[in-house]
């Protein structure tokens, strides 16, 4: 299997693209000769590639599906200023750029490229899949599919606590005076965008997590939705729903699978974070791998 290819610039077209969007990326290939089918792995809000994605990289590659994981611009190991600028539109552009990069690789079959997303990454996967006709398959787990529904789960008081900081940040950005940050995750009652202790369980022991986000960017999240685009997703779609979801109403998530023309749903007795960990992750990986292998035409 192949690991990080940050310095692999053998293809001129991809070199130009990633010079414009300098994303830290990790390409993991299955054993044997290609060209291989592949999926882009898209992580969640404020997260980085090393937060749980390696287990999916290794599992899917062992099953015959190459993976490309990356950090969004301005976050993690990717370049971009100001840091922790989390733009929903720009992150979708990064996901599309990752797909385009895979299509240039000689080891990858450009006709068999799919998308996989978790948490807010699921929102990006659904939106990109709705906008493109070259997505071979899409899988999302515990996806945040609607910003307003997620804000409703967060609660009115939490939203009101964030509003003054978001307004200040937008003014500072307009005047080019730097950004106003709030924590991504913190204890209940704080100004954090997400009040959930389970977040820490996704951090590797040696990981480095920048726990902040430009406050105004939270507004962009609230006004973004994938539910309204679900009918435009022509690719086979697997939606993995956590029935004890604590960041959004699970009924909103399941509805996306019903609206998508080729949508399928799987339900799991899990909250937003248990799905990443044993023993449940083994079952989830088995379901997702079977779906990917079927629709990416991976033969034994």
Protein backbone atom coordinates (compact mmCIF):
# COMPACT_ATOMS: atom_id res chain seq x y z
CA UNK A 1 0.00 0.00 0.00
CA UNK A 2 1.14 3.51 -0.71
CA UNK A 3 1.14 6.22 1.94
CA UNK A 4 1.57 10.01 1.88
CA UNK A 5 2.29 11.47 -1.54
CA UNK A 6 2.56 15.13 -0.57
CA UNK A 7 5.68 15.53 -2.68
CA UNK A 8 4.53 13.37 -5.58
CA UNK A 9 4.13 15.89 -8.39
CA UNK A 10 4.66 13.58 -11.34
CA UNK A 11 1.56 14.77 -13.14
CA UNK A 12 1.81 18.38 -14.46
CA UNK A 13 -1.95 18.94 -14.40
CA UNK A 14 -2.31 17.85 -10.77
CA UNK A 15 0.84 19.78 -9.83
CA UNK A 16 -0.72 23.00 -11.13
CA UNK A 17 -4.02 22.33 -9.42
CA UNK A 18 -2.48 21.65 -6.04
CA UNK A 19 -0.18 24.64 -6.33
CA UNK A 20 -3.30 26.75 -6.52
CA UNK A 21 -4.94 24.79 -3.71
CA UNK A 22 -2.03 23.47 -1.61
CA UNK A 23 -3.75 20.60 0.16
CA UNK A 24 -1.94 18.01 2.27
CA UNK A 25 -3.10 14.68 0.88
CA UNK A 26 -2.55 10.97 1.50
CA UNK A 27 -3.13 8.46 -1.28
CA UNK A 28 -3.45 4.84 -0.12
CA UNK A 29 -3.45 2.14 -2.78
CA UNK A 30 -4.59 -1.49 -2.61
CA UNK A 31 -2.04 -4.24 -3.20
CA UNK A 32 -1.61 -5.39 -6.77
CA UNK A 33 -1.65 -3.71 -10.14
CA UNK A 34 -4.14 -0.98 -10.99
CA UNK A 35 -5.92 0.91 -12.19
CA UNK A 36 -7.94 0.79 -8.98
CA UNK A 37 -11.34 2.20 -8.03
CA UNK A 38 -11.06 4.94 -5.42
CA UNK A 39 -12.95 7.09 -2.95
CA UNK A 40 -12.18 10.55 -1.58
CA UNK A 41 -12.44 10.54 2.23
CA UNK A 42 -13.97 13.77 3.56
CA UNK A 43 -13.71 14.51 7.27
CA UNK A 44 -15.93 16.66 9.47
CA UNK A 45 -16.15 20.16 10.88
CA UNK A 46 -12.87 21.37 12.34
CA UNK A 47 -11.32 17.89 12.12
CA UNK A 48 -8.16 16.79 10.35
CA UNK A 49 -7.21 13.75 8.31
CA UNK A 50 -5.43 12.04 11.25
CA UNK A 51 -8.63 12.11 13.34
CA UNK A 52 -9.90 8.55 12.70
CA UNK A 53 -9.54 8.51 8.90
CA UNK A 54 -6.50 6.18 8.80
CA UNK A 55 -8.66 3.23 9.89
CA UNK A 56 -10.90 3.78 6.85
CA UNK A 57 -7.92 4.25 4.53
CA UNK A 58 -6.40 0.93 5.51
CA UNK A 59 -9.67 -1.02 5.58
CA UNK A 60 -10.94 0.14 2.19
CA UNK A 61 -7.52 -0.31 0.54
CA UNK A 62 -7.32 -3.87 1.86
CA UNK A 63 -10.73 -4.47 0.24
CA UNK A 64 -9.51 -3.24 -3.15
CA UNK A 65 -10.55 0.43 -3.04
CA UNK A 66 -7.90 3.17 -3.08
CA UNK A 67 -8.48 6.22 -0.88
CA UNK A 68 -7.44 9.86 -0.99
CA UNK A 69 -7.66 11.76 2.32
CA UNK A 70 -6.74 15.40 2.81
CA UNK A 71 -6.97 18.43 5.07
CA UNK A 72 -9.04 21.34 3.81
CA UNK A 73 -7.17 24.53 2.93
CA UNK A 74 -6.26 26.68 5.95
CA UNK A 75 -6.64 23.72 8.33
CA UNK A 76 -4.50 20.88 9.61
CA UNK A 77 -1.37 20.27 7.54
CA UNK A 78 -2.65 22.15 4.48
CA UNK A 79 -1.55 25.68 3.62
CA UNK A 80 -3.75 28.75 3.60
CA UNK A 81 -4.29 31.93 5.58
CA UNK A 82 -5.98 32.98 7.74
CA UNK A 83 -5.83 29.70 9.66
CA UNK A 84 -9.02 27.88 10.65
CA UNK A 85 -11.03 29.67 7.97
CA UNK A 86 -13.84 27.15 7.45
CA UNK A 87 -15.79 28.13 4.35
CA UNK A 88 -18.47 25.68 3.26
CA UNK A 89 -18.19 26.70 -0.38
CA UNK A 90 -14.39 26.51 -0.45
CA UNK A 91 -14.36 23.16 1.27
CA UNK A 92 -16.69 21.79 -1.41
CA UNK A 93 -14.25 23.11 -4.01
CA UNK A 94 -11.48 21.22 -2.21
CA UNK A 95 -13.52 17.99 -2.34
CA UNK A 96 -14.11 18.46 -6.07
CA UNK A 97 -10.39 19.18 -6.59
CA UNK A 98 -9.53 15.94 -4.80
CA UNK A 99 -11.79 14.03 -7.19
CA UNK A 100 -10.20 15.75 -10.17
CA UNK A 101 -6.72 14.92 -8.85
CA UNK A 102 -7.60 11.23 -8.53
CA UNK A 103 -8.86 11.16 -12.12
CA UNK A 104 -5.37 12.18 -13.34
CA UNK A 105 -3.55 9.38 -11.54
CA UNK A 106 -2.46 6.42 -13.68
CA UNK A 107 -3.06 4.05 -10.72
CA UNK A 108 -6.74 5.05 -10.55
CA UNK A 109 -9.64 4.15 -12.83
CA UNK A 110 -11.20 7.56 -13.52
CA UNK A 111 -14.58 5.93 -14.24
CA UNK A 112 -14.76 4.42 -10.74
CA UNK A 113 -14.23 7.30 -8.31
CA UNK A 114 -16.60 7.83 -5.39
CA UNK A 115 -17.01 9.96 -2.29
CA UNK A 116 -17.14 9.05 1.40
CA UNK A 117 -17.90 11.60 4.11
CA UNK A 118 -18.42 11.71 7.84
CA UNK A 119 -20.19 14.32 9.98
CA UNK A 120 -20.02 17.70 8.19
CA UNK A 121 -17.97 15.98 5.50
CA UNK A 122 -21.18 14.14 4.69
CA UNK A 123 -22.79 17.48 3.84
CA UNK A 124 -19.99 18.23 1.39
CA UNK A 125 -20.20 14.77 -0.18
CA UNK A 126 -23.94 15.10 -0.72
CA UNK A 127 -23.63 18.58 -2.24
CA UNK A 128 -20.75 17.62 -4.55
CA UNK A 129 -22.49 14.40 -5.61
CA UNK A 130 -25.62 16.41 -6.44
CA UNK A 131 -23.61 18.79 -8.63
CA UNK A 132 -21.57 16.21 -10.60
CA UNK A 133 -22.48 13.30 -12.83
CA UNK A 134 -19.10 11.55 -12.55
CA UNK A 135 -19.47 10.36 -8.95
CA UNK A 136 -19.62 6.58 -9.13
CA UNK A 137 -20.84 6.03 -5.55
CA UNK A 138 -21.35 8.03 -2.36
CA UNK A 139 -21.31 6.94 1.29
CA UNK A 140 -22.02 9.20 4.28
CA UNK A 141 -22.03 8.35 7.99
CA UNK A 142 -23.50 10.42 10.82
CA UNK A 143 -23.85 13.26 8.29
CA UNK A 144 -24.87 16.79 9.18
CA UNK A 145 -27.34 17.28 6.32
CA UNK A 146 -28.95 20.59 7.25
CA UNK A 147 -27.44 23.55 9.09
CA UNK A 148 -30.68 24.85 10.54
CA UNK A 149 -31.60 21.39 11.84
CA UNK A 150 -28.15 21.12 13.45
CA UNK A 151 -28.51 24.57 15.03
CA UNK A 152 -31.89 23.52 16.40
CA UNK A 153 -30.26 20.52 18.09
CA UNK A 154 -27.57 22.79 19.51
CA UNK A 155 -30.26 24.90 21.16
CA UNK A 156 -31.40 28.51 21.06
CA UNK A 157 -29.25 29.61 24.01
CA UNK A 158 -26.09 28.25 22.42
CA UNK A 159 -26.90 30.00 19.16
CA UNK A 160 -27.53 33.29 20.95
CA UNK A 161 -24.20 33.02 22.78
CA UNK A 162 -22.42 32.74 19.43
CA UNK A 163 -24.16 35.62 17.66
CA UNK A 164 -22.16 38.57 19.14
CA UNK A 165 -18.87 36.83 18.31
CA UNK A 166 -20.03 36.03 14.78
CA UNK A 167 -21.11 39.65 14.22
CA UNK A 168 -17.76 40.93 15.53
CA UNK A 169 -15.87 38.50 13.30
CA UNK A 170 -17.74 39.58 10.18
CA UNK A 171 -17.04 43.24 10.93
CA UNK A 172 -13.35 42.52 11.57
CA UNK A 173 -13.12 40.53 8.33
CA UNK A 174 -14.72 43.38 6.37
CA UNK A 175 -12.25 45.89 7.86
CA UNK A 176 -9.33 43.45 7.39
CA UNK A 177 -8.48 43.56 11.10
CA UNK A 178 -8.04 39.82 11.60
CA UNK A 179 -10.63 37.27 12.63
CA UNK A 180 -12.51 36.70 15.89
CA UNK A 181 -12.27 33.04 16.89
CA UNK A 182 -14.42 30.83 19.09
CA UNK A 183 -13.64 27.27 20.25
CA UNK A 184 -14.81 24.45 17.98
CA UNK A 185 -15.62 22.20 20.91
CA UNK A 186 -16.03 22.94 24.60
CA UNK A 187 -18.12 22.29 27.69
CA UNK A 188 -21.88 22.94 27.73
CA UNK A 189 -22.64 26.60 28.29
CA UNK A 190 -19.43 27.83 26.65
CA UNK A 191 -19.09 29.78 23.41
CA UNK A 192 -17.89 26.65 21.58
CA UNK A 193 -19.56 25.79 18.29
CA UNK A 194 -20.00 22.16 19.45
CA UNK A 195 -20.59 21.24 23.09
CA UNK A 196 -19.77 17.55 23.02
CA UNK A 197 -17.23 15.58 25.04
CA UNK A 198 -17.25 12.69 22.55
CA UNK A 199 -15.24 14.83 20.13
CA UNK A 200 -12.06 14.18 22.12
CA UNK A 201 -12.38 10.45 21.51
CA UNK A 202 -11.51 11.01 17.84
CA UNK A 203 -8.14 12.62 18.59
CA UNK A 204 -5.02 10.45 18.20
CA UNK A 205 -2.70 10.31 21.21
CA UNK A 206 -0.03 12.31 19.38
CA UNK A 207 -2.43 14.52 17.44
CA UNK A 208 -2.39 18.31 17.28
CA UNK A 209 -5.83 19.89 17.20
CA UNK A 210 -6.37 23.62 16.59
CA UNK A 211 -9.54 24.15 18.63
CA UNK A 212 -10.83 27.33 17.05
CA UNK A 213 -12.91 28.55 14.15
CA UNK A 214 -13.58 32.01 12.80
CA UNK A 215 -16.91 32.84 14.45
CA UNK A 216 -18.54 34.17 11.29
CA UNK A 217 -17.96 30.89 9.50
CA UNK A 218 -20.46 29.20 11.81
CA UNK A 219 -23.17 31.29 10.12
CA UNK A 220 -22.24 29.77 6.76
CA UNK A 221 -22.72 26.32 8.22
CA UNK A 222 -26.17 27.17 9.56
CA UNK A 223 -27.43 28.34 6.17
CA UNK A 224 -26.13 25.33 4.23
CA UNK A 225 -28.29 22.32 3.45
CA UNK A 226 -27.89 19.09 1.52
CA UNK A 227 -31.49 17.98 1.98
CA UNK A 228 -32.76 20.25 -0.78
CA UNK A 229 -30.24 18.75 -3.24
CA UNK A 230 -30.81 15.07 -2.43
CA UNK A 231 -33.07 14.50 -5.43
CA UNK A 232 -30.21 15.56 -7.73
CA UNK A 233 -27.86 12.79 -6.53
CA UNK A 234 -27.78 10.24 -9.34
CA UNK A 235 -25.03 8.04 -7.84
CA UNK A 236 -25.82 5.07 -5.59
CA UNK A 237 -25.93 6.53 -2.08
CA UNK A 238 -25.55 4.82 1.30
CA UNK A 239 -26.63 6.87 4.32
CA UNK A 240 -25.49 5.52 7.70
CA UNK A 241 -27.75 6.96 10.41
CA UNK A 242 -26.91 7.09 14.11
CA UNK A 243 -30.26 6.58 15.82
CA UNK A 244 -29.07 8.33 19.01
CA UNK A 245 -27.57 11.21 17.04
CA UNK A 246 -26.91 14.22 19.27
CA UNK A 247 -25.90 16.84 16.68
CA UNK A 248 -28.95 16.63 14.41
CA UNK A 249 -32.34 14.93 14.32
CA UNK A 250 -31.69 11.45 12.83
CA UNK A 251 -35.03 11.67 11.02
CA UNK A 252 -33.57 14.52 8.92
CA UNK A 253 -30.65 12.29 7.99
CA UNK A 254 -32.79 9.30 7.02
CA UNK A 255 -34.96 11.56 4.86
CA UNK A 256 -32.01 12.26 2.55
CA UNK A 257 -31.78 8.56 1.69
CA UNK A 258 -35.49 8.50 0.85
CA UNK A 259 -35.21 11.57 -1.39
CA UNK A 260 -32.15 10.40 -3.34
CA UNK A 261 -33.20 8.35 -6.39
CA UNK A 262 -30.75 5.54 -5.54
CA UNK A 263 -30.48 6.08 -1.82
CA UNK A 264 -30.21 3.32 0.78
CA UNK A 265 -30.20 3.71 4.56
CA UNK A 266 -28.60 1.76 7.40
CA UNK A 267 -29.47 2.43 11.04
CA UNK A 268 -27.08 1.99 13.97
CA UNK A 269 -27.60 2.18 17.72
CA UNK A 270 -25.05 4.94 18.19
CA UNK A 271 -24.55 8.58 19.03
CA UNK A 272 -22.50 10.88 16.80
CA UNK A 273 -19.13 9.55 18.02
CA UNK A 274 -19.58 5.88 18.97
CA UNK A 275 -19.75 4.98 15.28
CA UNK A 276 -15.97 5.57 14.99
CA UNK A 277 -15.05 3.06 17.70
CA UNK A 278 -15.21 -0.68 18.44
CA UNK A 279 -17.28 -2.69 18.50
CA UNK A 280 -19.66 -0.78 16.19
CA UNK A 281 -17.06 0.44 13.68
CA UNK A 282 -16.44 -3.13 12.47
CA UNK A 283 -20.08 -3.55 11.48
CA UNK A 284 -20.22 -0.13 9.85
CA UNK A 285 -17.05 -0.79 7.87
CA UNK A 286 -18.42 -4.12 6.68
CA UNK A 287 -21.63 -2.49 5.43
CA UNK A 288 -19.80 0.37 3.73
CA UNK A 289 -17.19 -1.89 2.16
CA UNK A 290 -19.84 -4.19 0.68
CA UNK A 291 -21.65 -1.16 -0.78
CA UNK A 292 -18.45 0.31 -2.25
CA UNK A 293 -17.31 -3.00 -3.72
CA UNK A 294 -20.69 -3.58 -5.36
CA UNK A 295 -21.03 -0.16 -6.96
CA UNK A 296 -17.34 0.29 -7.82
CA UNK A 297 -17.33 -3.16 -9.43
CA UNK A 298 -14.54 -4.58 -7.26
CA UNK A 299 -14.09 -8.23 -8.14
CA UNK A 300 -12.45 -10.83 -5.89
